[in-house]
Amino acid sequence: MDPYPTAPSAPPVPQHPIPTTSEAPKSSLVSNSERYRYLNVTAPIDGISHAPVPWSTGLCGCFDDVSTCCLTCWCPCVTFGRIAEIVDQGSTSCGTSGLLYTLIMCVSGCSCLYSCFYRSKLRGQYFLEERPCTDCCVHCWCEGCSLCQEYRELKNHGFDMSIGN
């Protein structure tokens, strides 16, 4: 009798391909809620840690997309609401997030404390670098630029930011 019996081997774990945003439907008739399932995962399923990747645009690249820059300048609550709806994968609406952002801005003047949380979530979903400094610092010192950068990042990942549910 073997004093050190070997454990029975576990059955192989089936490998399912993870859909990416490049596989997401490109039709403008497809709502963002249908695209949410194509978001990258927040934690590595394969057990491999992912190295942070750079943002697709720079923090000060606001004028690369002038319409987003203008929207954020005059209505940051709309920009934030659209970002939050996608980052939350549809669990909160654009209107609800935008309204809460506006209330925090009116009451405390520190809406950046709320919006920096969503920057962290966005970075986690896409394994983005924490640059040029921490998320809270970026939002506290450059709120408009950070919202524009996050908005452009989601656009570059294939989301139609104008849909809003």
N, C-alpha and C. Protein backbone atom coordinates (compact mmCIF):
# COMPACT_ATOMS: atom_id res chain seq x y z
N MET A 1 0.84 -1.17 0.00
CA MET A 1 0.00 0.00 0.00
C MET A 1 0.90 1.24 0.00
N ASP A 2 0.57 2.20 -0.87
CA ASP A 2 1.38 3.41 -1.04
C ASP A 2 1.07 4.39 0.09
N PRO A 3 2.09 4.82 0.88
CA PRO A 3 1.83 5.74 1.99
C PRO A 3 1.49 7.14 1.52
N TYR A 4 1.81 7.47 0.28
CA TYR A 4 1.53 8.81 -0.26
C TYR A 4 0.71 8.68 -1.54
N PRO A 5 -0.55 8.37 -1.38
CA PRO A 5 -1.36 8.21 -2.61
C PRO A 5 -1.52 9.56 -3.32
N THR A 6 -1.56 9.48 -4.61
CA THR A 6 -1.75 10.70 -5.39
C THR A 6 -3.23 11.01 -5.48
N ALA A 7 -3.52 12.28 -5.44
CA ALA A 7 -4.92 12.71 -5.55
C ALA A 7 -5.39 12.51 -6.98
N PRO A 8 -6.66 12.15 -7.12
CA PRO A 8 -7.16 12.01 -8.49
C PRO A 8 -7.09 13.36 -9.20
N SER A 9 -6.75 13.30 -10.46
CA SER A 9 -6.63 14.57 -11.20
C SER A 9 -8.02 15.16 -11.44
N ALA A 10 -8.07 16.46 -11.36
CA ALA A 10 -9.35 17.16 -11.58
C ALA A 10 -9.66 17.18 -13.06
N PRO A 11 -10.94 17.16 -13.39
CA PRO A 11 -11.29 17.23 -14.82
C PRO A 11 -10.85 18.58 -15.37
N PRO A 12 -10.50 18.62 -16.66
CA PRO A 12 -10.05 19.90 -17.23
C PRO A 12 -11.17 20.94 -17.20
N VAL A 13 -10.76 22.17 -16.93
CA VAL A 13 -11.71 23.27 -16.90
C VAL A 13 -11.95 23.73 -18.33
N PRO A 14 -13.22 23.78 -18.77
CA PRO A 14 -13.46 24.22 -20.14
C PRO A 14 -13.04 25.67 -20.33
N GLN A 15 -12.41 25.95 -21.44
CA GLN A 15 -11.96 27.30 -21.75
C GLN A 15 -12.98 27.96 -22.66
N HIS A 16 -13.57 29.03 -22.17
CA HIS A 16 -14.54 29.79 -22.95
C HIS A 16 -13.89 31.07 -23.42
N PRO A 17 -14.01 31.38 -24.68
CA PRO A 17 -13.41 32.64 -25.14
C PRO A 17 -14.12 33.83 -24.51
N ILE A 18 -13.34 34.82 -24.11
CA ILE A 18 -13.89 36.03 -23.53
C ILE A 18 -14.12 37.02 -24.67
N PRO A 19 -15.37 37.45 -24.87
CA PRO A 19 -15.61 38.41 -25.96
C PRO A 19 -14.92 39.73 -25.66
N THR A 20 -14.45 40.37 -26.69
CA THR A 20 -13.81 41.66 -26.54
C THR A 20 -14.67 42.72 -27.21
N THR A 21 -14.31 43.96 -26.97
CA THR A 21 -15.10 45.03 -27.57
C THR A 21 -14.96 45.05 -29.08
N SER A 22 -13.88 44.46 -29.62
CA SER A 22 -13.74 44.42 -31.07
C SER A 22 -14.76 43.46 -31.68
N GLU A 23 -15.27 42.51 -30.86
CA GLU A 23 -16.29 41.59 -31.33
C GLU A 23 -17.70 42.13 -31.11
N ALA A 24 -17.81 43.25 -30.44
CA ALA A 24 -19.12 43.84 -30.14
C ALA A 24 -19.79 44.30 -31.42
N PRO A 25 -21.10 44.24 -31.45
CA PRO A 25 -21.82 44.72 -32.64
C PRO A 25 -21.51 46.18 -32.89
N LYS A 26 -21.25 46.54 -34.14
CA LYS A 26 -20.88 47.91 -34.48
C LYS A 26 -22.06 48.75 -34.93
N SER A 27 -23.21 48.16 -35.10
CA SER A 27 -24.36 48.90 -35.59
C SER A 27 -24.75 50.00 -34.62
N SER A 28 -25.11 51.14 -35.16
CA SER A 28 -25.53 52.25 -34.30
C SER A 28 -26.91 51.97 -33.70
N LEU A 29 -27.58 50.94 -34.17
CA LEU A 29 -28.89 50.59 -33.64
C LEU A 29 -28.79 49.72 -32.39
N VAL A 30 -27.58 49.26 -32.08
CA VAL A 30 -27.37 48.42 -30.91
C VAL A 30 -27.15 49.31 -29.71
N SER A 31 -27.91 49.07 -28.66
CA SER A 31 -27.79 49.91 -27.46
C SER A 31 -26.55 49.54 -26.66
N ASN A 32 -26.13 50.46 -25.82
CA ASN A 32 -24.98 50.19 -24.97
C ASN A 32 -25.25 49.02 -24.04
N SER A 33 -26.52 48.83 -23.62
CA SER A 33 -26.81 47.72 -22.71
C SER A 33 -26.49 46.38 -23.36
N GLU A 34 -26.62 46.28 -24.69
CA GLU A 34 -26.25 45.05 -25.38
C GLU A 34 -24.74 44.94 -25.50
N ARG A 35 -24.04 46.05 -25.46
CA ARG A 35 -22.59 46.02 -25.57
C ARG A 35 -21.92 45.75 -24.23
N TYR A 36 -22.62 45.92 -23.10
CA TYR A 36 -22.00 45.75 -21.79
C TYR A 36 -21.37 44.39 -21.64
N ARG A 37 -21.96 43.39 -22.24
CA ARG A 37 -21.42 42.05 -22.07
C ARG A 37 -20.09 41.88 -22.78
N TYR A 38 -19.69 42.86 -23.57
CA TYR A 38 -18.42 42.79 -24.25
C TYR A 38 -17.31 43.55 -23.52
N LEU A 39 -17.62 44.06 -22.33
CA LEU A 39 -16.59 44.73 -21.53
C LEU A 39 -15.51 43.73 -21.13
N ASN A 40 -14.31 44.20 -21.03
CA ASN A 40 -13.23 43.34 -20.51
C ASN A 40 -13.54 43.04 -19.06
N VAL A 41 -13.05 41.91 -18.59
CA VAL A 41 -13.32 41.51 -17.21
C VAL A 41 -12.47 42.32 -16.25
N THR A 42 -12.92 42.46 -15.01
CA THR A 42 -12.19 43.26 -14.04
C THR A 42 -11.10 42.47 -13.35
N ALA A 43 -11.19 41.16 -13.30
CA ALA A 43 -10.17 40.35 -12.68
C ALA A 43 -9.73 39.29 -13.68
N PRO A 44 -8.46 38.98 -13.69
CA PRO A 44 -8.01 37.99 -14.66
C PRO A 44 -8.60 36.62 -14.37
N ILE A 45 -9.30 36.06 -15.32
CA ILE A 45 -9.90 34.74 -15.17
C ILE A 45 -8.84 33.67 -15.29
N ASP A 46 -7.85 33.92 -16.13
CA ASP A 46 -6.83 32.91 -16.39
C ASP A 46 -5.77 32.82 -15.31
N GLY A 47 -5.87 33.63 -14.25
CA GLY A 47 -4.91 33.60 -13.17
C GLY A 47 -3.63 34.35 -13.45
N ILE A 48 -3.52 34.92 -14.62
CA ILE A 48 -2.34 35.67 -14.98
C ILE A 48 -2.59 37.14 -14.69
N SER A 49 -1.66 37.77 -13.99
CA SER A 49 -1.84 39.19 -13.73
C SER A 49 -1.52 39.96 -15.01
N HIS A 50 -2.33 40.94 -15.31
CA HIS A 50 -2.16 41.72 -16.52
C HIS A 50 -1.38 42.99 -16.20
N ALA A 51 -0.41 43.27 -17.03
CA ALA A 51 0.36 44.50 -16.86
C ALA A 51 -0.49 45.69 -17.28
N PRO A 52 -0.39 46.79 -16.57
CA PRO A 52 -1.18 47.97 -16.94
C PRO A 52 -0.81 48.44 -18.35
N VAL A 53 -1.83 48.86 -19.08
CA VAL A 53 -1.63 49.38 -20.43
C VAL A 53 -1.87 50.89 -20.41
N PRO A 54 -1.27 51.61 -21.34
CA PRO A 54 -1.48 53.06 -21.37
C PRO A 54 -2.88 53.42 -21.85
N TRP A 55 -3.34 54.60 -21.49
CA TRP A 55 -4.61 55.13 -21.98
C TRP A 55 -4.49 55.34 -23.49
N SER A 56 -5.59 55.26 -24.18
CA SER A 56 -5.56 55.44 -25.64
C SER A 56 -5.32 56.89 -26.03
N THR A 57 -5.62 57.83 -25.13
CA THR A 57 -5.34 59.25 -25.37
C THR A 57 -4.77 59.85 -24.09
N GLY A 58 -4.12 60.98 -24.24
CA GLY A 58 -3.52 61.63 -23.08
C GLY A 58 -4.53 62.43 -22.28
N LEU A 59 -4.15 62.77 -21.08
CA LEU A 59 -5.01 63.55 -20.20
C LEU A 59 -5.32 64.92 -20.79
N CYS A 60 -4.34 65.52 -21.44
CA CYS A 60 -4.53 66.86 -22.01
C CYS A 60 -4.89 66.81 -23.50
N GLY A 61 -5.47 65.72 -23.94
CA GLY A 61 -5.87 65.59 -25.34
C GLY A 61 -7.31 66.03 -25.57
N CYS A 62 -7.78 66.97 -24.78
CA CYS A 62 -9.18 67.40 -24.85
C CYS A 62 -9.56 67.92 -26.23
N PHE A 63 -8.63 68.58 -26.90
CA PHE A 63 -8.97 69.19 -28.17
C PHE A 63 -8.91 68.20 -29.34
N ASP A 64 -8.57 66.94 -29.06
CA ASP A 64 -8.66 65.91 -30.08
C ASP A 64 -10.12 65.60 -30.40
N ASP A 65 -10.98 65.88 -29.44
CA ASP A 65 -12.42 65.66 -29.58
C ASP A 65 -13.12 66.90 -29.01
N VAL A 66 -13.26 67.91 -29.84
CA VAL A 66 -13.76 69.21 -29.38
C VAL A 66 -15.20 69.11 -28.88
N SER A 67 -16.04 68.27 -29.49
CA SER A 67 -17.43 68.17 -29.04
C SER A 67 -17.50 67.64 -27.61
N THR A 68 -16.67 66.66 -27.27
CA THR A 68 -16.64 66.14 -25.90
C THR A 68 -16.12 67.20 -24.94
N CYS A 69 -15.13 67.96 -25.39
CA CYS A 69 -14.56 69.03 -24.57
C CYS A 69 -15.64 70.07 -24.24
N CYS A 70 -16.41 70.46 -25.25
CA CYS A 70 -17.48 71.44 -25.03
C CYS A 70 -18.57 70.89 -24.12
N LEU A 71 -18.98 69.65 -24.35
CA LEU A 71 -19.99 69.02 -23.52
C LEU A 71 -19.54 68.99 -22.06
N THR A 72 -18.30 68.60 -21.84
CA THR A 72 -17.77 68.49 -20.48
C THR A 72 -17.61 69.86 -19.83
N CYS A 73 -17.25 70.85 -20.63
CA CYS A 73 -17.07 72.21 -20.10
C CYS A 73 -18.40 72.77 -19.59
N TRP A 74 -19.49 72.59 -20.36
CA TRP A 74 -20.77 73.20 -19.99
C TRP A 74 -21.70 72.26 -19.24
N CYS A 75 -21.56 70.96 -19.45
CA CYS A 75 -22.45 69.99 -18.77
C CYS A 75 -21.65 68.77 -18.30
N PRO A 76 -20.76 68.93 -17.33
CA PRO A 76 -19.98 67.77 -16.90
C PRO A 76 -20.84 66.65 -16.34
N CYS A 77 -22.03 66.99 -15.87
CA CYS A 77 -22.92 65.97 -15.32
C CYS A 77 -23.36 64.99 -16.41
N VAL A 78 -23.52 65.47 -17.64
CA VAL A 78 -23.91 64.59 -18.75
C VAL A 78 -22.75 63.67 -19.11
N THR A 79 -21.56 64.24 -19.22
CA THR A 79 -20.38 63.43 -19.52
C THR A 79 -20.19 62.36 -18.45
N PHE A 80 -20.25 62.79 -17.19
CA PHE A 80 -20.07 61.83 -16.11
C PHE A 80 -21.17 60.77 -16.12
N GLY A 81 -22.40 61.15 -16.33
CA GLY A 81 -23.51 60.20 -16.34
C GLY A 81 -23.32 59.12 -17.40
N ARG A 82 -22.87 59.52 -18.57
CA ARG A 82 -22.64 58.54 -19.65
C ARG A 82 -21.50 57.60 -19.29
N ILE A 83 -20.44 58.14 -18.71
CA ILE A 83 -19.31 57.30 -18.30
C ILE A 83 -19.77 56.30 -17.24
N ALA A 84 -20.47 56.79 -16.22
CA ALA A 84 -20.90 55.94 -15.11
C ALA A 84 -21.83 54.83 -15.57
N GLU A 85 -22.74 55.14 -16.49
CA GLU A 85 -23.67 54.11 -16.97
C GLU A 85 -22.92 52.96 -17.62
N ILE A 86 -21.91 53.27 -18.41
CA ILE A 86 -21.16 52.22 -19.09
C ILE A 86 -20.24 51.49 -18.13
N VAL A 87 -19.56 52.21 -17.27
CA VAL A 87 -18.66 51.58 -16.30
C VAL A 87 -19.44 50.66 -15.36
N ASP A 88 -20.65 51.07 -14.97
CA ASP A 88 -21.50 50.24 -14.12
C ASP A 88 -22.25 49.17 -14.90
N GLN A 89 -21.98 49.07 -16.18
CA GLN A 89 -22.57 48.07 -17.06
C GLN A 89 -24.10 48.10 -17.03
N GLY A 90 -24.64 49.32 -16.97
CA GLY A 90 -26.08 49.50 -17.06
C GLY A 90 -26.84 49.42 -15.75
N SER A 91 -26.15 49.16 -14.64
CA SER A 91 -26.87 49.02 -13.37
C SER A 91 -27.35 50.37 -12.84
N THR A 92 -26.72 51.46 -13.27
CA THR A 92 -27.21 52.80 -12.95
C THR A 92 -27.40 53.54 -14.27
N SER A 93 -28.40 54.39 -14.32
CA SER A 93 -28.67 55.10 -15.56
C SER A 93 -27.82 56.36 -15.65
N CYS A 94 -27.71 56.85 -16.87
CA CYS A 94 -26.98 58.09 -17.13
C CYS A 94 -27.61 59.23 -16.33
N GLY A 95 -28.92 59.32 -16.33
CA GLY A 95 -29.62 60.40 -15.63
C GLY A 95 -29.42 60.37 -14.14
N THR A 96 -29.50 59.18 -13.56
CA THR A 96 -29.32 59.05 -12.11
C THR A 96 -27.91 59.43 -11.69
N SER A 97 -26.92 58.93 -12.42
CA SER A 97 -25.52 59.25 -12.09
C SER A 97 -25.24 60.73 -12.29
N GLY A 98 -25.76 61.30 -13.38
CA GLY A 98 -25.55 62.73 -13.64
C GLY A 98 -26.21 63.60 -12.58
N LEU A 99 -27.40 63.21 -12.14
CA LEU A 99 -28.10 63.96 -11.10
C LEU A 99 -27.35 63.90 -9.78
N LEU A 100 -26.87 62.73 -9.42
CA LEU A 100 -26.11 62.59 -8.17
C LEU A 100 -24.82 63.41 -8.24
N TYR A 101 -24.16 63.39 -9.39
CA TYR A 101 -22.95 64.19 -9.60
C TYR A 101 -23.25 65.68 -9.40
N THR A 102 -24.37 66.14 -9.97
CA THR A 102 -24.77 67.54 -9.84
C THR A 102 -25.10 67.90 -8.40
N LEU A 103 -25.82 67.03 -7.71
CA LEU A 103 -26.15 67.29 -6.30
C LEU A 103 -24.90 67.39 -5.44
N ILE A 104 -23.96 66.48 -5.65
CA ILE A 104 -22.72 66.53 -4.88
C ILE A 104 -21.95 67.81 -5.20
N MET A 105 -21.96 68.21 -6.47
CA MET A 105 -21.26 69.43 -6.87
C MET A 105 -21.91 70.65 -6.22
N CYS A 106 -23.23 70.71 -6.20
CA CYS A 106 -23.94 71.87 -5.63
C CYS A 106 -23.81 71.93 -4.11
N VAL A 107 -23.86 70.78 -3.45
CA VAL A 107 -23.83 70.75 -1.99
C VAL A 107 -22.41 70.94 -1.45
N SER A 108 -21.46 70.20 -2.00
CA SER A 108 -20.11 70.23 -1.42
C SER A 108 -19.07 70.88 -2.31
N GLY A 109 -19.34 70.96 -3.60
CA GLY A 109 -18.34 71.49 -4.52
C GLY A 109 -17.24 70.49 -4.83
N CYS A 110 -17.35 69.27 -4.32
CA CYS A 110 -16.31 68.25 -4.48
C CYS A 110 -16.84 67.02 -5.22
N SER A 111 -17.41 67.24 -6.38
CA SER A 111 -17.91 66.11 -7.16
C SER A 111 -16.76 65.21 -7.61
N CYS A 112 -15.54 65.74 -7.55
CA CYS A 112 -14.38 64.94 -7.94
C CYS A 112 -14.20 63.72 -7.05
N LEU A 113 -14.65 63.79 -5.80
CA LEU A 113 -14.53 62.64 -4.91
C LEU A 113 -15.42 61.49 -5.35
N TYR A 114 -16.51 61.82 -6.02
CA TYR A 114 -17.42 60.81 -6.56
C TYR A 114 -16.91 60.30 -7.91
N SER A 115 -16.47 61.21 -8.76
CA SER A 115 -16.06 60.82 -10.11
C SER A 115 -14.74 60.05 -10.12
N CYS A 116 -13.86 60.28 -9.15
CA CYS A 116 -12.59 59.55 -9.14
C CYS A 116 -12.82 58.06 -8.89
N PHE A 117 -13.89 57.72 -8.19
CA PHE A 117 -14.24 56.32 -7.96
C PHE A 117 -14.51 55.62 -9.30
N TYR A 118 -15.16 56.31 -10.21
CA TYR A 118 -15.46 55.71 -11.52
C TYR A 118 -14.23 55.62 -12.40
N ARG A 119 -13.29 56.53 -12.23
CA ARG A 119 -12.03 56.41 -12.96
C ARG A 119 -11.30 55.15 -12.53
N SER A 120 -11.32 54.87 -11.23
CA SER A 120 -10.69 53.66 -10.72
C SER A 120 -11.37 52.41 -11.28
N LYS A 121 -12.68 52.42 -11.33
CA LYS A 121 -13.41 51.27 -11.88
C LYS A 121 -13.10 51.08 -13.36
N LEU A 122 -13.05 52.17 -14.11
CA LEU A 122 -12.73 52.11 -15.54
C LEU A 122 -11.32 51.54 -15.73
N ARG A 123 -10.37 52.03 -14.94
CA ARG A 123 -9.00 51.52 -15.04
C ARG A 123 -8.95 50.04 -14.75
N GLY A 124 -9.72 49.59 -13.77
CA GLY A 124 -9.75 48.17 -13.43
C GLY A 124 -10.33 47.32 -14.54
N GLN A 125 -11.34 47.82 -15.21
CA GLN A 125 -11.97 47.04 -16.28
C GLN A 125 -11.07 46.90 -17.50
N TYR A 126 -10.25 47.90 -17.77
CA TYR A 126 -9.41 47.87 -18.96
C TYR A 126 -7.92 47.78 -18.64
N PHE A 127 -7.57 47.52 -17.38
CA PHE A 127 -6.19 47.36 -16.95
C PHE A 127 -5.34 48.57 -17.35
N LEU A 128 -5.88 49.77 -17.15
CA LEU A 128 -5.18 51.00 -17.54
C LEU A 128 -4.23 51.45 -16.44
N GLU A 129 -3.17 52.14 -16.87
CA GLU A 129 -2.20 52.69 -15.92
C GLU A 129 -2.82 53.79 -15.07
N GLU A 130 -2.35 53.90 -13.85
CA GLU A 130 -2.78 55.00 -12.99
C GLU A 130 -1.83 56.17 -13.25
N ARG A 131 -2.15 56.95 -14.27
CA ARG A 131 -1.28 58.03 -14.72
C ARG A 131 -2.10 59.27 -14.98
N PRO A 132 -1.58 60.42 -14.87
CA PRO A 132 -0.21 60.79 -14.48
C PRO A 132 0.01 60.73 -12.98
N CYS A 133 -1.05 60.63 -12.19
CA CYS A 133 -0.94 60.45 -10.74
C CYS A 133 -2.16 59.66 -10.29
N THR A 134 -2.43 59.63 -9.00
CA THR A 134 -3.55 58.83 -8.50
C THR A 134 -4.88 59.36 -9.06
N ASP A 135 -5.86 58.50 -9.07
CA ASP A 135 -7.17 58.85 -9.64
C ASP A 135 -7.79 60.06 -8.95
N CYS A 136 -7.72 60.11 -7.63
CA CYS A 136 -8.31 61.25 -6.91
C CYS A 136 -7.58 62.55 -7.24
N CYS A 137 -6.26 62.51 -7.35
CA CYS A 137 -5.51 63.73 -7.70
C CYS A 137 -5.87 64.20 -9.10
N VAL A 138 -5.97 63.27 -10.03
CA VAL A 138 -6.32 63.64 -11.41
C VAL A 138 -7.68 64.33 -11.43
N HIS A 139 -8.65 63.78 -10.72
CA HIS A 139 -9.99 64.37 -10.71
C HIS A 139 -10.05 65.67 -9.92
N CYS A 140 -9.32 65.76 -8.83
CA CYS A 140 -9.35 66.99 -8.04
C CYS A 140 -8.69 68.16 -8.75
N TRP A 141 -7.61 67.90 -9.48
CA TRP A 141 -6.87 68.99 -10.12
C TRP A 141 -7.28 69.21 -11.57
N CYS A 142 -7.77 68.19 -12.24
CA CYS A 142 -8.12 68.30 -13.67
C CYS A 142 -9.43 67.58 -13.95
N GLU A 143 -10.49 67.95 -13.26
CA GLU A 143 -11.78 67.25 -13.38
C GLU A 143 -12.25 67.17 -14.83
N GLY A 144 -12.27 68.30 -15.51
CA GLY A 144 -12.75 68.32 -16.89
C GLY A 144 -11.90 67.47 -17.82
N CYS A 145 -10.59 67.59 -17.70
CA CYS A 145 -9.69 66.82 -18.57
C CYS A 145 -9.81 65.32 -18.30
N SER A 146 -9.96 64.94 -17.02
CA SER A 146 -10.08 63.52 -16.71
C SER A 146 -11.39 62.94 -17.22
N LEU A 147 -12.48 63.70 -17.10
CA LEU A 147 -13.76 63.22 -17.65
C LEU A 147 -13.67 63.06 -19.17
N CYS A 148 -13.03 64.03 -19.83
CA CYS A 148 -12.85 63.93 -21.29
C CYS A 148 -12.02 62.71 -21.66
N GLN A 149 -10.96 62.45 -20.91
CA GLN A 149 -10.10 61.31 -21.21
C GLN A 149 -10.86 59.99 -21.04
N GLU A 150 -11.65 59.87 -19.98
CA GLU A 150 -12.42 58.66 -19.75
C GLU A 150 -13.48 58.48 -20.85
N TYR A 151 -14.11 59.56 -21.23
CA TYR A 151 -15.13 59.55 -22.29
C TYR A 151 -14.50 59.06 -23.60
N ARG A 152 -13.33 59.62 -23.95
CA ARG A 152 -12.63 59.21 -25.18
C ARG A 152 -12.20 57.76 -25.11
N GLU A 153 -11.78 57.32 -23.94
CA GLU A 153 -11.34 55.93 -23.77
C GLU A 153 -12.49 54.97 -24.07
N LEU A 154 -13.67 55.27 -23.54
CA LEU A 154 -14.82 54.41 -23.79
C LEU A 154 -15.24 54.46 -25.26
N LYS A 155 -15.16 55.64 -25.88
CA LYS A 155 -15.44 55.75 -27.32
C LYS A 155 -14.47 54.90 -28.11
N ASN A 156 -13.21 54.92 -27.73
CA ASN A 156 -12.19 54.15 -28.43
C ASN A 156 -12.34 52.65 -28.22
N HIS A 157 -13.08 52.26 -27.20
CA HIS A 157 -13.37 50.85 -26.96
C HIS A 157 -14.68 50.43 -27.64
N GLY A 158 -15.26 51.33 -28.43
CA GLY A 158 -16.40 50.95 -29.27
C GLY A 158 -17.77 51.31 -28.73
N PHE A 159 -17.85 52.05 -27.64
CA PHE A 159 -19.16 52.43 -27.11
C PHE A 159 -19.69 53.67 -27.80
N ASP A 160 -20.99 53.69 -28.06
CA ASP A 160 -21.64 54.87 -28.61
C ASP A 160 -22.08 55.70 -27.41
N MET A 161 -21.33 56.73 -27.14
CA MET A 161 -21.55 57.52 -25.92
C MET A 161 -22.82 58.37 -25.98
N SER A 162 -23.36 58.58 -27.16
CA SER A 162 -24.53 59.44 -27.29
C SER A 162 -25.84 58.71 -27.05
N ILE A 163 -25.82 57.38 -26.90
CA ILE A 163 -27.07 56.64 -26.78
C ILE A 163 -27.78 56.96 -25.46
N GLY A 164 -27.13 56.68 -24.35
CA GLY A 164 -27.75 56.95 -23.04
C GLY A 164 -29.10 56.27 -22.91
N ASN A 165 -29.28 55.51 -21.86
CA ASN A 165 -30.55 54.76 -21.70
C ASN A 165 -31.44 55.42 -20.69
